Amino acid sequence: MAKKKKTIELSSKKIEFTQESRLYKVIRFYPSDMSIDAMVFDNDIKEGVKNIPFAHIPKSVKKLIKPN
């Protein structure tokens, strides 16, 4: 049975990016399924937490997370 990789908490790094006029603040990274949890803000109003596949985030943010 494969070992489950631990989640990496990223909220202290304050990683942010915008897509489609929404601000995303990265909370944590899941290396086992290569996705992130991000808090979504639209016009400074919190919309909730969204799970986003790692492939769908900007390249500049991928460099900060460094999954390898």
PDB file of N, CA and C in Angstrom:
ATOM      1  N   MET A   1       0.839  -1.177   0.000  1.00  0.00           N
ATOM      2  CA  MET A   1       0.000   0.000   0.000  1.00  0.00           C
ATOM      3  C   MET A   1       0.887   1.244   0.000  1.00  0.00           C
ATOM      4  N   ALA A   2       0.532   2.207  -0.805  1.00  0.00           N
ATOM      5  CA  ALA A   2       1.330   3.426  -0.940  1.00  0.00           C
ATOM      6  C   ALA A   2       1.143   4.327   0.280  1.00  0.00           C
ATOM      7  N   LYS A   3       2.213   5.009   0.641  1.00  0.00           N
ATOM      8  CA  LYS A   3       2.142   5.954   1.749  1.00  0.00           C
ATOM      9  C   LYS A   3       1.429   7.218   1.286  1.00  0.00           C
ATOM     10  N   LYS A   4       0.596   7.747   2.156  1.00  0.00           N
ATOM     11  CA  LYS A   4      -0.082   8.998   1.845  1.00  0.00           C
ATOM     12  C   LYS A   4       0.827  10.154   2.263  1.00  0.00           C
ATOM     13  N   LYS A   5       1.105  11.054   1.342  1.00  0.00           N
ATOM     14  CA  LYS A   5       1.961  12.199   1.635  1.00  0.00           C
ATOM     15  C   LYS A   5       1.205  13.209   2.487  1.00  0.00           C
ATOM     16  N   LYS A   6       1.927  13.856   3.383  1.00  0.00           N
ATOM     17  CA  LYS A   6       1.320  14.842   4.258  1.00  0.00           C
ATOM     18  C   LYS A   6       1.007  16.121   3.487  1.00  0.00           C
ATOM     19  N   THR A   7      -0.010  16.825   3.945  1.00  0.00           N
ATOM     20  CA  THR A   7      -0.332  18.112   3.344  1.00  0.00           C
ATOM     21  C   THR A   7       0.694  19.141   3.796  1.00  0.00           C
ATOM     22  N   ILE A   8       0.929  20.128   2.949  1.00  0.00           N
ATOM     23  CA  ILE A   8       1.877  21.190   3.251  1.00  0.00           C
ATOM     24  C   ILE A   8       1.096  22.474   3.478  1.00  0.00           C
ATOM     25  N   GLU A   9       1.203  23.005   4.682  1.00  0.00           N
ATOM     26  CA  GLU A   9       0.499  24.238   5.047  1.00  0.00           C
ATOM     27  C   GLU A   9       1.251  25.435   4.453  1.00  0.00           C
ATOM     28  N   LEU A  10       0.563  26.261   3.670  1.00  0.00           N
ATOM     29  CA  LEU A  10       1.193  27.390   2.983  1.00  0.00           C
ATOM     30  C   LEU A  10       0.594  28.740   3.366  1.00  0.00           C
ATOM     31  N   SER A  11      -0.313  28.777   4.304  1.00  0.00           N
ATOM     32  CA  SER A  11      -0.968  30.041   4.646  1.00  0.00           C
ATOM     33  C   SER A  11       0.015  31.062   5.215  1.00  0.00           C
ATOM     34  N   SER A  12       1.073  30.608   5.864  1.00  0.00           N
ATOM     35  CA  SER A  12       2.050  31.549   6.433  1.00  0.00           C
ATOM     36  C   SER A  12       2.912  32.224   5.364  1.00  0.00           C
ATOM     37  N   LYS A  13       3.004  31.606   4.167  1.00  0.00           N
ATOM     38  CA  LYS A  13       3.804  32.189   3.081  1.00  0.00           C
ATOM     39  C   LYS A  13       3.084  33.316   2.347  1.00  0.00           C
ATOM     40  N   LYS A  14       1.788  33.436   2.552  1.00  0.00           N
ATOM     41  CA  LYS A  14       0.967  34.487   1.935  1.00  0.00           C
ATOM     42  C   LYS A  14       1.111  34.517   0.404  1.00  0.00           C
ATOM     43  N   ILE A  15       0.884  33.354  -0.229  1.00  0.00           N
ATOM     44  CA  ILE A  15       0.953  33.231  -1.685  1.00  0.00           C
ATOM     45  C   ILE A  15      -0.413  33.601  -2.254  1.00  0.00           C
ATOM     46  N   GLU A  16      -0.421  34.568  -3.179  1.00  0.00           N
ATOM     47  CA  GLU A  16      -1.670  35.045  -3.782  1.00  0.00           C
ATOM     48  C   GLU A  16      -1.518  35.123  -5.299  1.00  0.00           C
ATOM     49  N   PHE A  17      -2.640  34.928  -5.987  1.00  0.00           N
ATOM     50  CA  PHE A  17      -2.673  35.127  -7.438  1.00  0.00           C
ATOM     51  C   PHE A  17      -4.090  35.484  -7.848  1.00  0.00           C
ATOM     52  N   THR A  18      -4.219  36.083  -9.028  1.00  0.00           N
ATOM     53  CA  THR A  18      -5.538  36.456  -9.541  1.00  0.00           C
ATOM     54  C   THR A  18      -5.812  35.705 -10.836  1.00  0.00           C
ATOM     55  N   GLN A  19      -7.062  35.301 -10.983  1.00  0.00           N
ATOM     56  CA  GLN A  19      -7.555  34.687 -12.210  1.00  0.00           C
ATOM     57  C   GLN A  19      -8.992  35.130 -12.392  1.00  0.00           C
ATOM     58  N   GLU A  20      -9.328  35.552 -13.592  1.00  0.00           N
ATOM     59  CA  GLU A  20     -10.690  35.978 -13.918  1.00  0.00           C
ATOM     60  C   GLU A  20     -11.220  37.000 -12.908  1.00  0.00           C
ATOM     61  N   SER A  21     -10.425  37.989 -12.594  1.00  0.00           N
ATOM     62  CA  SER A  21     -10.726  39.099 -11.675  1.00  0.00           C
ATOM     63  C   SER A  21     -11.058  38.645 -10.253  1.00  0.00           C
ATOM     64  N   ARG A  22     -10.624  37.456  -9.875  1.00  0.00           N
ATOM     65  CA  ARG A  22     -10.780  36.965  -8.505  1.00  0.00           C
ATOM     66  C   ARG A  22      -9.415  36.786  -7.874  1.00  0.00           C
ATOM     67  N   LEU A  23      -9.324  37.073  -6.590  1.00  0.00           N
ATOM     68  CA  LEU A  23      -8.083  36.911  -5.838  1.00  0.00           C
ATOM     69  C   LEU A  23      -8.124  35.567  -5.118  1.00  0.00           C
ATOM     70  N   TYR A  24      -7.047  34.792  -5.259  1.00  0.00           N
ATOM     71  CA  TYR A  24      -6.925  33.497  -4.610  1.00  0.00           C
ATOM     72  C   TYR A  24      -5.753  33.554  -3.634  1.00  0.00           C
ATOM     73  N   LYS A  25      -5.984  33.152  -2.385  1.00  0.00           N
ATOM     74  CA  LYS A  25      -4.932  33.064  -1.380  1.00  0.00           C
ATOM     75  C   LYS A  25      -4.729  31.586  -1.064  1.00  0.00           C
ATOM     76  N   VAL A  26      -3.524  31.086  -1.334  1.00  0.00           N
ATOM     77  CA  VAL A  26      -3.229  29.665  -1.169  1.00  0.00           C
ATOM     78  C   VAL A  26      -3.157  29.318   0.313  1.00  0.00           C
ATOM     79  N   ILE A  27      -3.869  28.255   0.697  1.00  0.00           N
ATOM     80  CA  ILE A  27      -3.899  27.815   2.090  1.00  0.00           C
ATOM     81  C   ILE A  27      -3.001  26.599   2.299  1.00  0.00           C
ATOM     82  N   ARG A  28      -3.225  25.549   1.500  1.00  0.00           N
ATOM     83  CA  ARG A  28      -2.422  24.331   1.652  1.00  0.00           C
ATOM     84  C   ARG A  28      -2.272  23.600   0.322  1.00  0.00           C
ATOM     85  N   PHE A  29      -1.266  22.737   0.281  1.00  0.00           N
ATOM     86  CA  PHE A  29      -0.948  21.951  -0.914  1.00  0.00           C
ATOM     87  C   PHE A  29      -1.055  20.472  -0.575  1.00  0.00           C
ATOM     88  N   TYR A  30      -1.737  19.720  -1.432  1.00  0.00           N
ATOM     89  CA  TYR A  30      -1.892  18.274  -1.264  1.00  0.00           C
ATOM     90  C   TYR A  30      -1.011  17.559  -2.298  1.00  0.00           C
ATOM     91  N   PRO A  31       0.174  17.072  -1.897  1.00  0.00           N
ATOM     92  CA  PRO A  31       1.061  16.419  -2.866  1.00  0.00           C
ATOM     93  C   PRO A  31       0.516  15.081  -3.376  1.00  0.00           C
ATOM     94  N   SER A  32      -0.339  14.421  -2.605  1.00  0.00           N
ATOM     95  CA  SER A  32      -0.851  13.115  -3.021  1.00  0.00           C
ATOM     96  C   SER A  32      -1.753  13.212  -4.251  1.00  0.00           C
ATOM     97  N   ASP A  33      -2.560  14.259  -4.344  1.00  0.00           N
ATOM     98  CA  ASP A  33      -3.418  14.429  -5.525  1.00  0.00           C
ATOM     99  C   ASP A  33      -3.078  15.683  -6.326  1.00  0.00           C
ATOM    100  N   MET A  34      -1.938  16.315  -6.014  1.00  0.00           N
ATOM    101  CA  MET A  34      -1.434  17.479  -6.752  1.00  0.00           C
ATOM    102  C   MET A  34      -2.513  18.558  -6.919  1.00  0.00           C
ATOM    103  N   SER A  35      -3.005  19.059  -5.782  1.00  0.00           N
ATOM    104  CA  SER A  35      -3.983  20.142  -5.806  1.00  0.00           C
ATOM    105  C   SER A  35      -3.712  21.076  -4.634  1.00  0.00           C
ATOM    106  N   ILE A  36      -4.348  22.242  -4.689  1.00  0.00           N
ATOM    107  CA  ILE A  36      -4.212  23.221  -3.606  1.00  0.00           C
ATOM    108  C   ILE A  36      -5.599  23.626  -3.116  1.00  0.00           C
ATOM    109  N   ASP A  37      -5.663  24.063  -1.873  1.00  0.00           N
ATOM    110  CA  ASP A  37      -6.848  24.724  -1.343  1.00  0.00           C
ATOM    111  C   ASP A  37      -6.557  26.211  -1.357  1.00  0.00           C
ATOM    112  N   ALA A  38      -7.492  26.987  -1.862  1.00  0.00           N
ATOM    113  CA  ALA A  38      -7.304  28.437  -1.924  1.00  0.00           C
ATOM    114  C   ALA A  38      -8.583  29.136  -1.487  1.00  0.00           C
ATOM    115  N   MET A  39      -8.406  30.225  -0.743  1.00  0.00           N
ATOM    116  CA  MET A  39      -9.519  31.058  -0.336  1.00  0.00           C
ATOM    117  C   MET A  39      -9.804  32.027  -1.486  1.00  0.00           C
ATOM    118  N   VAL A  40     -11.061  32.121  -1.889  1.00  0.00           N
ATOM    119  CA  VAL A  40     -11.446  32.933  -3.039  1.00  0.00           C
ATOM    120  C   VAL A  40     -12.083  34.242  -2.569  1.00  0.00           C
ATOM    121  N   PHE A  41     -11.595  35.357  -3.135  1.00  0.00           N
ATOM    122  CA  PHE A  41     -12.138  36.681  -2.835  1.00  0.00           C
ATOM    123  C   PHE A  41     -12.577  37.338  -4.139  1.00  0.00           C
ATOM    124  N   ASP A  42     -13.786  37.873  -4.146  1.00  0.00           N
ATOM    125  CA  ASP A  42     -14.300  38.610  -5.298  1.00  0.00           C
ATOM    126  C   ASP A  42     -14.692  39.997  -4.795  1.00  0.00           C
ATOM    127  N   ASN A  43     -13.985  41.034  -5.256  1.00  0.00           N
ATOM    128  CA  ASN A  43     -14.196  42.409  -4.786  1.00  0.00           C
ATOM    129  C   ASN A  43     -14.078  42.503  -3.262  1.00  0.00           C
ATOM    130  N   ASP A  44     -13.028  41.910  -2.716  1.00  0.00           N
ATOM    131  CA  ASP A  44     -12.728  41.898  -1.282  1.00  0.00           C
ATOM    132  C   ASP A  44     -13.793  41.209  -0.438  1.00  0.00           C
ATOM    133  N   ILE A  45     -14.638  40.410  -1.047  1.00  0.00           N
ATOM    134  CA  ILE A  45     -15.649  39.646  -0.316  1.00  0.00           C
ATOM    135  C   ILE A  45     -15.274  38.166  -0.410  1.00  0.00           C
ATOM    136  N   LYS A  46     -15.152  37.519   0.752  1.00  0.00           N
ATOM    137  CA  LYS A  46     -14.761  36.116   0.780  1.00  0.00           C
ATOM    138  C   LYS A  46     -15.886  35.248   0.238  1.00  0.00           C
ATOM    139  N   GLU A  47     -15.558  34.419  -0.762  1.00  0.00           N
ATOM    140  CA  GLU A  47     -16.551  33.531  -1.357  1.00  0.00           C
ATOM    141  C   GLU A  47     -16.449  32.108  -0.835  1.00  0.00           C
ATOM    142  N   GLY A  48     -15.333  31.761  -0.214  1.00  0.00           N
ATOM    143  CA  GLY A  48     -15.171  30.413   0.321  1.00  0.00           C
ATOM    144  C   GLY A  48     -13.837  29.811  -0.074  1.00  0.00           C
ATOM    145  N   VAL A  49     -13.682  28.533   0.239  1.00  0.00           N
ATOM    146  CA  VAL A  49     -12.454  27.804  -0.065  1.00  0.00           C
ATOM    147  C   VAL A  49     -12.714  26.898  -1.249  1.00  0.00           C
ATOM    148  N   LYS A  50     -11.764  26.876  -2.187  1.00  0.00           N
ATOM    149  CA  LYS A  50     -11.911  26.091  -3.413  1.00  0.00           C
ATOM    150  C   LYS A  50     -10.682  25.199  -3.581  1.00  0.00           C
ATOM    151  N   ASN A  51     -10.893  23.963  -4.000  1.00  0.00           N
ATOM    152  CA  ASN A  51      -9.795  23.052  -4.309  1.00  0.00           C
ATOM    153  C   ASN A  51      -9.493  23.181  -5.798  1.00  0.00           C
ATOM    154  N   ILE A  52      -8.232  23.509  -6.123  1.00  0.00           N
ATOM    155  CA  ILE A  52      -7.819  23.771  -7.501  1.00  0.00           C
ATOM    156  C   ILE A  52      -6.707  22.794  -7.882  1.00  0.00           C
ATOM    157  N   PRO A  53      -6.816  22.132  -9.043  1.00  0.00           N
ATOM    158  CA  PRO A  53      -5.726  21.263  -9.491  1.00  0.00           C
ATOM    159  C   PRO A  53      -4.446  22.067  -9.712  1.00  0.00           C
ATOM    160  N   PHE A  54      -3.310  21.458  -9.396  1.00  0.00           N
ATOM    161  CA  PHE A  54      -2.015  22.129  -9.494  1.00  0.00           C
ATOM    162  C   PHE A  54      -1.747  22.607 -10.915  1.00  0.00           C
ATOM    163  N   ALA A  55      -2.209  21.879 -11.911  1.00  0.00           N
ATOM    164  CA  ALA A  55      -1.971  22.231 -13.308  1.00  0.00           C
ATOM    165  C   ALA A  55      -2.703  23.507 -13.730  1.00  0.00           C
ATOM    166  N   HIS A  56      -3.715  23.920 -12.971  1.00  0.00           N
ATOM    167  CA  HIS A  56      -4.521  25.078 -13.354  1.00  0.00           C
ATOM    168  C   HIS A  56      -4.090  26.385 -12.710  1.00  0.00           C
ATOM    169  N   ILE A  57      -3.017  26.365 -11.927  1.00  0.00           N
ATOM    170  CA  ILE A  57      -2.558  27.597 -11.300  1.00  0.00           C
ATOM    171  C   ILE A  57      -1.424  28.201 -12.123  1.00  0.00           C
ATOM    172  N   PRO A  58      -1.177  29.509 -11.997  1.00  0.00           N
ATOM    173  CA  PRO A  58      -0.132  30.167 -12.785  1.00  0.00           C
ATOM    174  C   PRO A  58       1.270  29.610 -12.491  1.00  0.00           C
ATOM    175  N   LYS A  59       2.116  29.676 -13.507  1.00  0.00           N
ATOM    176  CA  LYS A  59       3.472  29.145 -13.400  1.00  0.00           C
ATOM    177  C   LYS A  59       4.280  29.836 -12.305  1.00  0.00           C
ATOM    178  N   SER A  60       4.061  31.115 -12.105  1.00  0.00           N
ATOM    179  CA  SER A  60       4.795  31.849 -11.064  1.00  0.00           C
ATOM    180  C   SER A  60       4.462  31.312  -9.664  1.00  0.00           C
ATOM    181  N   VAL A  61       3.227  30.876  -9.443  1.00  0.00           N
ATOM    182  CA  VAL A  61       2.833  30.319  -8.162  1.00  0.00           C
ATOM    183  C   VAL A  61       3.394  28.904  -8.006  1.00  0.00           C
ATOM    184  N   LYS A  62       3.431  28.151  -9.083  1.00  0.00           N
ATOM    185  CA  LYS A  62       3.992  26.793  -9.041  1.00  0.00           C
ATOM    186  C   LYS A  62       5.443  26.818  -8.575  1.00  0.00           C
ATOM    187  N   LYS A  63       6.190  27.814  -9.006  1.00  0.00           N
ATOM    188  CA  LYS A  63       7.595  27.929  -8.601  1.00  0.00           C
ATOM    189  C   LYS A  63       7.721  28.179  -7.104  1.00  0.00           C
ATOM    190  N   LEU A  64       6.772  28.894  -6.510  1.00  0.00           N
ATOM    191  CA  LEU A  64       6.812  29.179  -5.076  1.00  0.00           C
ATOM    192  C   LEU A  64       6.457  27.945  -4.235  1.00  0.00           C
ATOM    193  N   ILE A  65       5.575  27.110  -4.762  1.00  0.00           N
ATOM    194  CA  ILE A  65       5.134  25.929  -4.008  1.00  0.00           C
ATOM    195  C   ILE A  65       6.148  24.794  -4.085  1.00  0.00           C
ATOM    196  N   LYS A  66       6.773  24.589  -5.248  1.00  0.00           N
ATOM    197  CA  LYS A  66       7.791  23.559  -5.454  1.00  0.00           C
ATOM    198  C   LYS A  66       7.350  22.173  -4.969  1.00  0.00           C
ATOM    199  N   PRO A  67       6.562  21.473  -5.756  1.00  0.00           N
ATOM    200  CA  PRO A  67       6.019  20.177  -5.303  1.00  0.00           C
ATOM    201  C   PRO A  67       7.052  19.055  -5.210  1.00  0.00           C
ATOM    202  N   ASN A  68       8.171  19.182  -5.867  1.00  0.00           N
ATOM    203  CA  ASN A  68       9.144  18.075  -5.857  1.00  0.00           C
ATOM    204  C   ASN A  68       9.945  18.078  -4.638  1.00  0.00           C
TER     205      ASN A  68
END
